[in-house]
Amino acid sequence: MTWYDEMTWCDGCGAEITWGPVLDDGRKFCCHDCCLGILCACSERMEMDEEQRPGNETYSHAKSGHLA
């Protein structure tokens, strides 16, 4: 697999795709729901994952109770 530095965006909901996209007729989708035209929650899940990552400033401040 070849990695490129450019970002990939979902042709359905517009979420950034940081995993293997669902491909359909040359278009890239974040999930099968988007591919089918159904509303998805992928971008919301990505935001929650970023907030919960150790080392994330928001995560560590929220955990300690000291929000900047």
PDB file of N, CA and C in Angstrom:
ATOM      1  N   MET A   1       0.853  -1.179   0.000  1.00  0.00           N
ATOM      2  CA  MET A   1       0.000   0.000   0.000  1.00  0.00           C
ATOM      3  C   MET A   1       0.891   1.232   0.000  1.00  0.00           C
ATOM      4  N   THR A   2       0.537   2.215  -0.769  1.00  0.00           N
ATOM      5  CA  THR A   2       1.264   3.470  -0.827  1.00  0.00           C
ATOM      6  C   THR A   2       0.524   4.524  -0.032  1.00  0.00           C
ATOM      7  N   TRP A   3       1.251   5.257   0.802  1.00  0.00           N
ATOM      8  CA  TRP A   3       0.649   6.319   1.605  1.00  0.00           C
ATOM      9  C   TRP A   3       1.017   7.669   1.004  1.00  0.00           C
ATOM     10  N   TYR A   4       0.068   8.563   0.981  1.00  0.00           N
ATOM     11  CA  TYR A   4       0.273   9.918   0.494  1.00  0.00           C
ATOM     12  C   TYR A   4      -0.030  10.887   1.619  1.00  0.00           C
ATOM     13  N   ASP A   5       0.572  12.074   1.561  1.00  0.00           N
ATOM     14  CA  ASP A   5       0.365  13.067   2.603  1.00  0.00           C
ATOM     15  C   ASP A   5      -0.943  13.827   2.466  1.00  0.00           C
ATOM     16  N   GLU A   6      -1.621  13.681   1.353  1.00  0.00           N
ATOM     17  CA  GLU A   6      -2.863  14.430   1.155  1.00  0.00           C
ATOM     18  C   GLU A   6      -4.012  13.787   1.941  1.00  0.00           C
ATOM     19  N   MET A   7      -4.971  14.592   2.302  1.00  0.00           N
ATOM     20  CA  MET A   7      -6.130  14.103   3.048  1.00  0.00           C
ATOM     21  C   MET A   7      -7.175  13.552   2.097  1.00  0.00           C
ATOM     22  N   THR A   8      -7.952  12.608   2.596  1.00  0.00           N
ATOM     23  CA  THR A   8      -9.043  12.033   1.816  1.00  0.00           C
ATOM     24  C   THR A   8     -10.345  12.379   2.513  1.00  0.00           C
ATOM     25  N   TRP A   9     -11.303  12.868   1.763  1.00  0.00           N
ATOM     26  CA  TRP A   9     -12.588  13.299   2.311  1.00  0.00           C
ATOM     27  C   TRP A   9     -13.700  12.438   1.739  1.00  0.00           C
ATOM     28  N   CYS A  10     -14.716  12.202   2.544  1.00  0.00           N
ATOM     29  CA  CYS A  10     -15.861  11.403   2.124  1.00  0.00           C
ATOM     30  C   CYS A  10     -16.701  12.180   1.112  1.00  0.00           C
ATOM     31  N   ASP A  11     -17.050  11.518   0.021  1.00  0.00           N
ATOM     32  CA  ASP A  11     -17.897  12.149  -0.990  1.00  0.00           C
ATOM     33  C   ASP A  11     -19.356  12.205  -0.549  1.00  0.00           C
ATOM     34  N   GLY A  12     -19.680  11.569   0.572  1.00  0.00           N
ATOM     35  CA  GLY A  12     -21.053  11.599   1.085  1.00  0.00           C
ATOM     36  C   GLY A  12     -21.251  12.697   2.118  1.00  0.00           C
ATOM     37  N   CYS A  13     -20.541  12.575   3.259  1.00  0.00           N
ATOM     38  CA  CYS A  13     -20.762  13.507   4.375  1.00  0.00           C
ATOM     39  C   CYS A  13     -19.663  14.544   4.527  1.00  0.00           C
ATOM     40  N   GLY A  14     -18.539  14.341   3.849  1.00  0.00           N
ATOM     41  CA  GLY A  14     -17.445  15.303   3.921  1.00  0.00           C
ATOM     42  C   GLY A  14     -16.467  15.063   5.055  1.00  0.00           C
ATOM     43  N   ALA A  15     -16.625  13.976   5.809  1.00  0.00           N
ATOM     44  CA  ALA A  15     -15.702  13.669   6.906  1.00  0.00           C
ATOM     45  C   ALA A  15     -14.338  13.288   6.338  1.00  0.00           C
ATOM     46  N   GLU A  16     -13.284  13.620   7.092  1.00  0.00           N
ATOM     47  CA  GLU A  16     -11.950  13.180   6.699  1.00  0.00           C
ATOM     48  C   GLU A  16     -11.866  11.664   6.897  1.00  0.00           C
ATOM     49  N   ILE A  17     -11.328  10.972   5.920  1.00  0.00           N
ATOM     50  CA  ILE A  17     -11.195   9.515   5.996  1.00  0.00           C
ATOM     51  C   ILE A  17      -9.749   9.201   6.353  1.00  0.00           C
ATOM     52  N   THR A  18      -9.542   8.644   7.546  1.00  0.00           N
ATOM     53  CA  THR A  18      -8.201   8.290   7.995  1.00  0.00           C
ATOM     54  C   THR A  18      -7.998   6.782   7.990  1.00  0.00           C
ATOM     55  N   TRP A  19      -8.933   6.060   7.422  1.00  0.00           N
ATOM     56  CA  TRP A  19      -8.885   4.603   7.294  1.00  0.00           C
ATOM     57  C   TRP A  19      -9.167   4.264   5.842  1.00  0.00           C
ATOM     58  N   GLY A  20      -9.237   3.002   5.525  1.00  0.00           N
ATOM     59  CA  GLY A  20      -9.519   2.594   4.150  1.00  0.00           C
ATOM     60  C   GLY A  20     -10.934   2.975   3.752  1.00  0.00           C
ATOM     61  N   PRO A  21     -11.097   3.759   2.688  1.00  0.00           N
ATOM     62  CA  PRO A  21     -12.431   4.196   2.284  1.00  0.00           C
ATOM     63  C   PRO A  21     -13.229   3.088   1.590  1.00  0.00           C
ATOM     64  N   VAL A  22     -14.528   3.255   1.576  1.00  0.00           N
ATOM     65  CA  VAL A  22     -15.417   2.406   0.783  1.00  0.00           C
ATOM     66  C   VAL A  22     -15.435   3.024  -0.614  1.00  0.00           C
ATOM     67  N   LEU A  23     -15.076   2.269  -1.610  1.00  0.00           N
ATOM     68  CA  LEU A  23     -15.014   2.788  -2.981  1.00  0.00           C
ATOM     69  C   LEU A  23     -16.227   2.345  -3.768  1.00  0.00           C
ATOM     70  N   ASP A  24     -16.805   3.280  -4.540  1.00  0.00           N
ATOM     71  CA  ASP A  24     -17.947   2.970  -5.388  1.00  0.00           C
ATOM     72  C   ASP A  24     -17.919   3.887  -6.598  1.00  0.00           C
ATOM     73  N   ASP A  25     -17.731   3.323  -7.762  1.00  0.00           N
ATOM     74  CA  ASP A  25     -17.754   4.073  -9.017  1.00  0.00           C
ATOM     75  C   ASP A  25     -16.776   5.257  -8.996  1.00  0.00           C
ATOM     76  N   GLY A  26     -15.577   5.026  -8.442  1.00  0.00           N
ATOM     77  CA  GLY A  26     -14.556   6.064  -8.415  1.00  0.00           C
ATOM     78  C   GLY A  26     -14.716   7.078  -7.300  1.00  0.00           C
ATOM     79  N   ARG A  27     -15.727   6.943  -6.489  1.00  0.00           N
ATOM     80  CA  ARG A  27     -15.955   7.865  -5.370  1.00  0.00           C
ATOM     81  C   ARG A  27     -15.530   7.195  -4.075  1.00  0.00           C
ATOM     82  N   LYS A  28     -15.098   7.995  -3.083  1.00  0.00           N
ATOM     83  CA  LYS A  28     -14.634   7.489  -1.795  1.00  0.00           C
ATOM     84  C   LYS A  28     -15.615   7.880  -0.695  1.00  0.00           C
ATOM     85  N   PHE A  29     -15.973   6.906   0.121  1.00  0.00           N
ATOM     86  CA  PHE A  29     -16.909   7.133   1.219  1.00  0.00           C
ATOM     87  C   PHE A  29     -16.301   6.655   2.524  1.00  0.00           C
ATOM     88  N   CYS A  30     -16.696   7.251   3.637  1.00  0.00           N
ATOM     89  CA  CYS A  30     -16.165   6.874   4.944  1.00  0.00           C
ATOM     90  C   CYS A  30     -16.757   5.561   5.443  1.00  0.00           C
ATOM     91  N   CYS A  31     -17.962   5.217   4.986  1.00  0.00           N
ATOM     92  CA  CYS A  31     -18.616   3.987   5.455  1.00  0.00           C
ATOM     93  C   CYS A  31     -19.676   3.554   4.429  1.00  0.00           C
ATOM     94  N   HIS A  32     -20.233   2.379   4.658  1.00  0.00           N
ATOM     95  CA  HIS A  32     -21.252   1.857   3.744  1.00  0.00           C
ATOM     96  C   HIS A  32     -22.531   2.703   3.784  1.00  0.00           C
ATOM     97  N   ASP A  33     -22.856   3.269   4.960  1.00  0.00           N
ATOM     98  CA  ASP A  33     -24.048   4.123   5.041  1.00  0.00           C
ATOM     99  C   ASP A  33     -23.930   5.307   4.088  1.00  0.00           C
ATOM    100  N   CYS A  34     -22.792   5.991   4.113  1.00  0.00           N
ATOM    101  CA  CYS A  34     -22.592   7.135   3.206  1.00  0.00           C
ATOM    102  C   CYS A  34     -22.653   6.695   1.751  1.00  0.00           C
ATOM    103  N   CYS A  35     -22.096   5.541   1.468  1.00  0.00           N
ATOM    104  CA  CYS A  35     -22.117   5.011   0.112  1.00  0.00           C
ATOM    105  C   CYS A  35     -23.550   4.811  -0.370  1.00  0.00           C
ATOM    106  N   LEU A  36     -24.442   4.449   0.558  1.00  0.00           N
ATOM    107  CA  LEU A  36     -25.856   4.230   0.231  1.00  0.00           C
ATOM    108  C   LEU A  36     -26.703   5.496   0.352  1.00  0.00           C
ATOM    109  N   GLY A  37     -26.074   6.611   0.759  1.00  0.00           N
ATOM    110  CA  GLY A  37     -26.805   7.865   0.899  1.00  0.00           C
ATOM    111  C   GLY A  37     -27.528   8.005   2.226  1.00  0.00           C
ATOM    112  N   ILE A  38     -27.162   7.172   3.201  1.00  0.00           N
ATOM    113  CA  ILE A  38     -27.776   7.216   4.530  1.00  0.00           C
ATOM    114  C   ILE A  38     -26.905   8.072   5.448  1.00  0.00           C
ATOM    115  N   LEU A  39     -27.517   8.882   6.294  1.00  0.00           N
ATOM    116  CA  LEU A  39     -26.802   9.727   7.247  1.00  0.00           C
ATOM    117  C   LEU A  39     -25.943   8.875   8.165  1.00  0.00           C
ATOM    118  N   CYS A  40     -24.676   9.262   8.358  1.00  0.00           N
ATOM    119  CA  CYS A  40     -23.781   8.502   9.221  1.00  0.00           C
ATOM    120  C   CYS A  40     -23.275   9.392  10.355  1.00  0.00           C
ATOM    121  N   ALA A  41     -22.526   8.785  11.275  1.00  0.00           N
ATOM    122  CA  ALA A  41     -21.978   9.519  12.417  1.00  0.00           C
ATOM    123  C   ALA A  41     -20.456   9.393  12.473  1.00  0.00           C
ATOM    124  N   CYS A  42     -19.821   9.112  11.343  1.00  0.00           N
ATOM    125  CA  CYS A  42     -18.372   8.896  11.327  1.00  0.00           C
ATOM    126  C   CYS A  42     -17.598  10.121  11.810  1.00  0.00           C
ATOM    127  N   SER A  43     -17.956  11.307  11.383  1.00  0.00           N
ATOM    128  CA  SER A  43     -17.211  12.497  11.803  1.00  0.00           C
ATOM    129  C   SER A  43     -17.382  12.742  13.293  1.00  0.00           C
ATOM    130  N   GLU A  44     -18.551  12.442  13.847  1.00  0.00           N
ATOM    131  CA  GLU A  44     -18.769  12.595  15.286  1.00  0.00           C
ATOM    132  C   GLU A  44     -17.926  11.595  16.060  1.00  0.00           C
ATOM    133  N   ARG A  45     -17.825  10.360  15.578  1.00  0.00           N
ATOM    134  CA  ARG A  45     -16.999   9.343  16.229  1.00  0.00           C
ATOM    135  C   ARG A  45     -15.538   9.732  16.187  1.00  0.00           C
ATOM    136  N   MET A  46     -15.086  10.310  15.079  1.00  0.00           N
ATOM    137  CA  MET A  46     -13.689  10.738  14.972  1.00  0.00           C
ATOM    138  C   MET A  46     -13.376  11.814  15.996  1.00  0.00           C
ATOM    139  N   GLU A  47     -14.299  12.764  16.198  1.00  0.00           N
ATOM    140  CA  GLU A  47     -14.092  13.822  17.182  1.00  0.00           C
ATOM    141  C   GLU A  47     -13.998  13.234  18.581  1.00  0.00           C
ATOM    142  N   MET A  48     -14.840  12.262  18.915  1.00  0.00           N
ATOM    143  CA  MET A  48     -14.794  11.630  20.234  1.00  0.00           C
ATOM    144  C   MET A  48     -13.480  10.887  20.418  1.00  0.00           C
ATOM    145  N   ASP A  49     -13.002  10.194  19.386  1.00  0.00           N
ATOM    146  CA  ASP A  49     -11.727   9.483  19.469  1.00  0.00           C
ATOM    147  C   ASP A  49     -10.582  10.443  19.740  1.00  0.00           C
ATOM    148  N   GLU A  50     -10.576  11.588  19.073  1.00  0.00           N
ATOM    149  CA  GLU A  50      -9.512  12.569  19.265  1.00  0.00           C
ATOM    150  C   GLU A  50      -9.527  13.111  20.689  1.00  0.00           C
ATOM    151  N   GLU A  51     -10.693  13.350  21.250  1.00  0.00           N
ATOM    152  CA  GLU A  51     -10.805  13.878  22.609  1.00  0.00           C
ATOM    153  C   GLU A  51     -10.337  12.870  23.648  1.00  0.00           C
ATOM    154  N   GLN A  52     -10.468  11.584  23.370  1.00  0.00           N
ATOM    155  CA  GLN A  52     -10.158  10.555  24.352  1.00  0.00           C
ATOM    156  C   GLN A  52      -8.738  10.012  24.240  1.00  0.00           C
ATOM    157  N   ARG A  53      -7.951  10.470  23.276  1.00  0.00           N
ATOM    158  CA  ARG A  53      -6.587   9.977  23.110  1.00  0.00           C
ATOM    159  C   ARG A  53      -5.696  10.491  24.230  1.00  0.00           C
ATOM    160  N   PRO A  54      -4.945   9.592  24.876  1.00  0.00           N
ATOM    161  CA  PRO A  54      -3.960  10.039  25.873  1.00  0.00           C
ATOM    162  C   PRO A  54      -2.943  10.964  25.224  1.00  0.00           C
ATOM    163  N   GLY A  55      -2.534  11.988  25.957  1.00  0.00           N
ATOM    164  CA  GLY A  55      -1.599  12.957  25.410  1.00  0.00           C
ATOM    165  C   GLY A  55      -2.301  14.120  24.753  1.00  0.00           C
ATOM    166  N   ASN A  56      -3.598  14.000  24.518  1.00  0.00           N
ATOM    167  CA  ASN A  56      -4.376  15.086  23.937  1.00  0.00           C
ATOM    168  C   ASN A  56      -4.594  16.121  25.029  1.00  0.00           C
ATOM    169  N   GLU A  57      -4.292  17.374  24.748  1.00  0.00           N
ATOM    170  CA  GLU A  57      -4.393  18.433  25.742  1.00  0.00           C
ATOM    171  C   GLU A  57      -5.802  18.540  26.313  1.00  0.00           C
ATOM    172  N   THR A  58      -6.810  18.455  25.466  1.00  0.00           N
ATOM    173  CA  THR A  58      -8.195  18.532  25.935  1.00  0.00           C
ATOM    174  C   THR A  58      -8.492  17.370  26.863  1.00  0.00           C
ATOM    175  N   TYR A  59      -8.033  16.177  26.500  1.00  0.00           N
ATOM    176  CA  TYR A  59      -8.264  14.982  27.305  1.00  0.00           C
ATOM    177  C   TYR A  59      -7.603  15.122  28.676  1.00  0.00           C
ATOM    178  N   SER A  60      -6.328  15.530  28.708  1.00  0.00           N
ATOM    179  CA  SER A  60      -5.616  15.593  29.971  1.00  0.00           C
ATOM    180  C   SER A  60      -6.165  16.691  30.874  1.00  0.00           C
ATOM    181  N   HIS A  61      -6.595  17.835  30.314  1.00  0.00           N
ATOM    182  CA  HIS A  61      -7.186  18.888  31.133  1.00  0.00           C
ATOM    183  C   HIS A  61      -8.540  18.457  31.674  1.00  0.00           C
ATOM    184  N   ALA A  62      -9.326  17.807  30.841  1.00  0.00           N
ATOM    185  CA  ALA A  62     -10.646  17.364  31.272  1.00  0.00           C
ATOM    186  C   ALA A  62     -10.519  16.298  32.368  1.00  0.00           C
ATOM    187  N   LYS A  63      -9.529  15.430  32.223  1.00  0.00           N
ATOM    188  CA  LYS A  63      -9.326  14.366  33.213  1.00  0.00           C
ATOM    189  C   LYS A  63      -8.890  14.947  34.555  1.00  0.00           C
ATOM    190  N   SER A  64      -8.039  15.973  34.523  1.00  0.00           N
ATOM    191  CA  SER A  64      -7.554  16.567  35.756  1.00  0.00           C
ATOM    192  C   SER A  64      -8.533  17.582  36.337  1.00  0.00           C
ATOM    193  N   GLY A  65      -9.530  17.972  35.529  1.00  0.00           N
ATOM    194  CA  GLY A  65     -10.503  18.947  35.994  1.00  0.00           C
ATOM    195  C   GLY A  65     -10.082  20.379  35.775  1.00  0.00           C
ATOM    196  N   HIS A  66      -8.966  20.598  35.096  1.00  0.00           N
ATOM    197  CA  HIS A  66      -8.457  21.941  34.833  1.00  0.00           C
ATOM    198  C   HIS A  66      -8.573  22.239  33.343  1.00  0.00           C
ATOM    199  N   LEU A  67      -9.631  22.868  32.959  1.00  0.00           N
ATOM    200  CA  LEU A  67      -9.817  23.227  31.551  1.00  0.00           C
ATOM    201  C   LEU A  67      -9.221  24.592  31.297  1.00  0.00           C
ATOM    202  N   ALA A  68      -8.534  24.729  30.190  1.00  0.00           N
ATOM    203  CA  ALA A  68      -7.898  26.011  29.854  1.00  0.00           C
ATOM    204  C   ALA A  68      -8.903  26.952  29.255  1.00  0.00           C
TER     205      ALA A  68
END
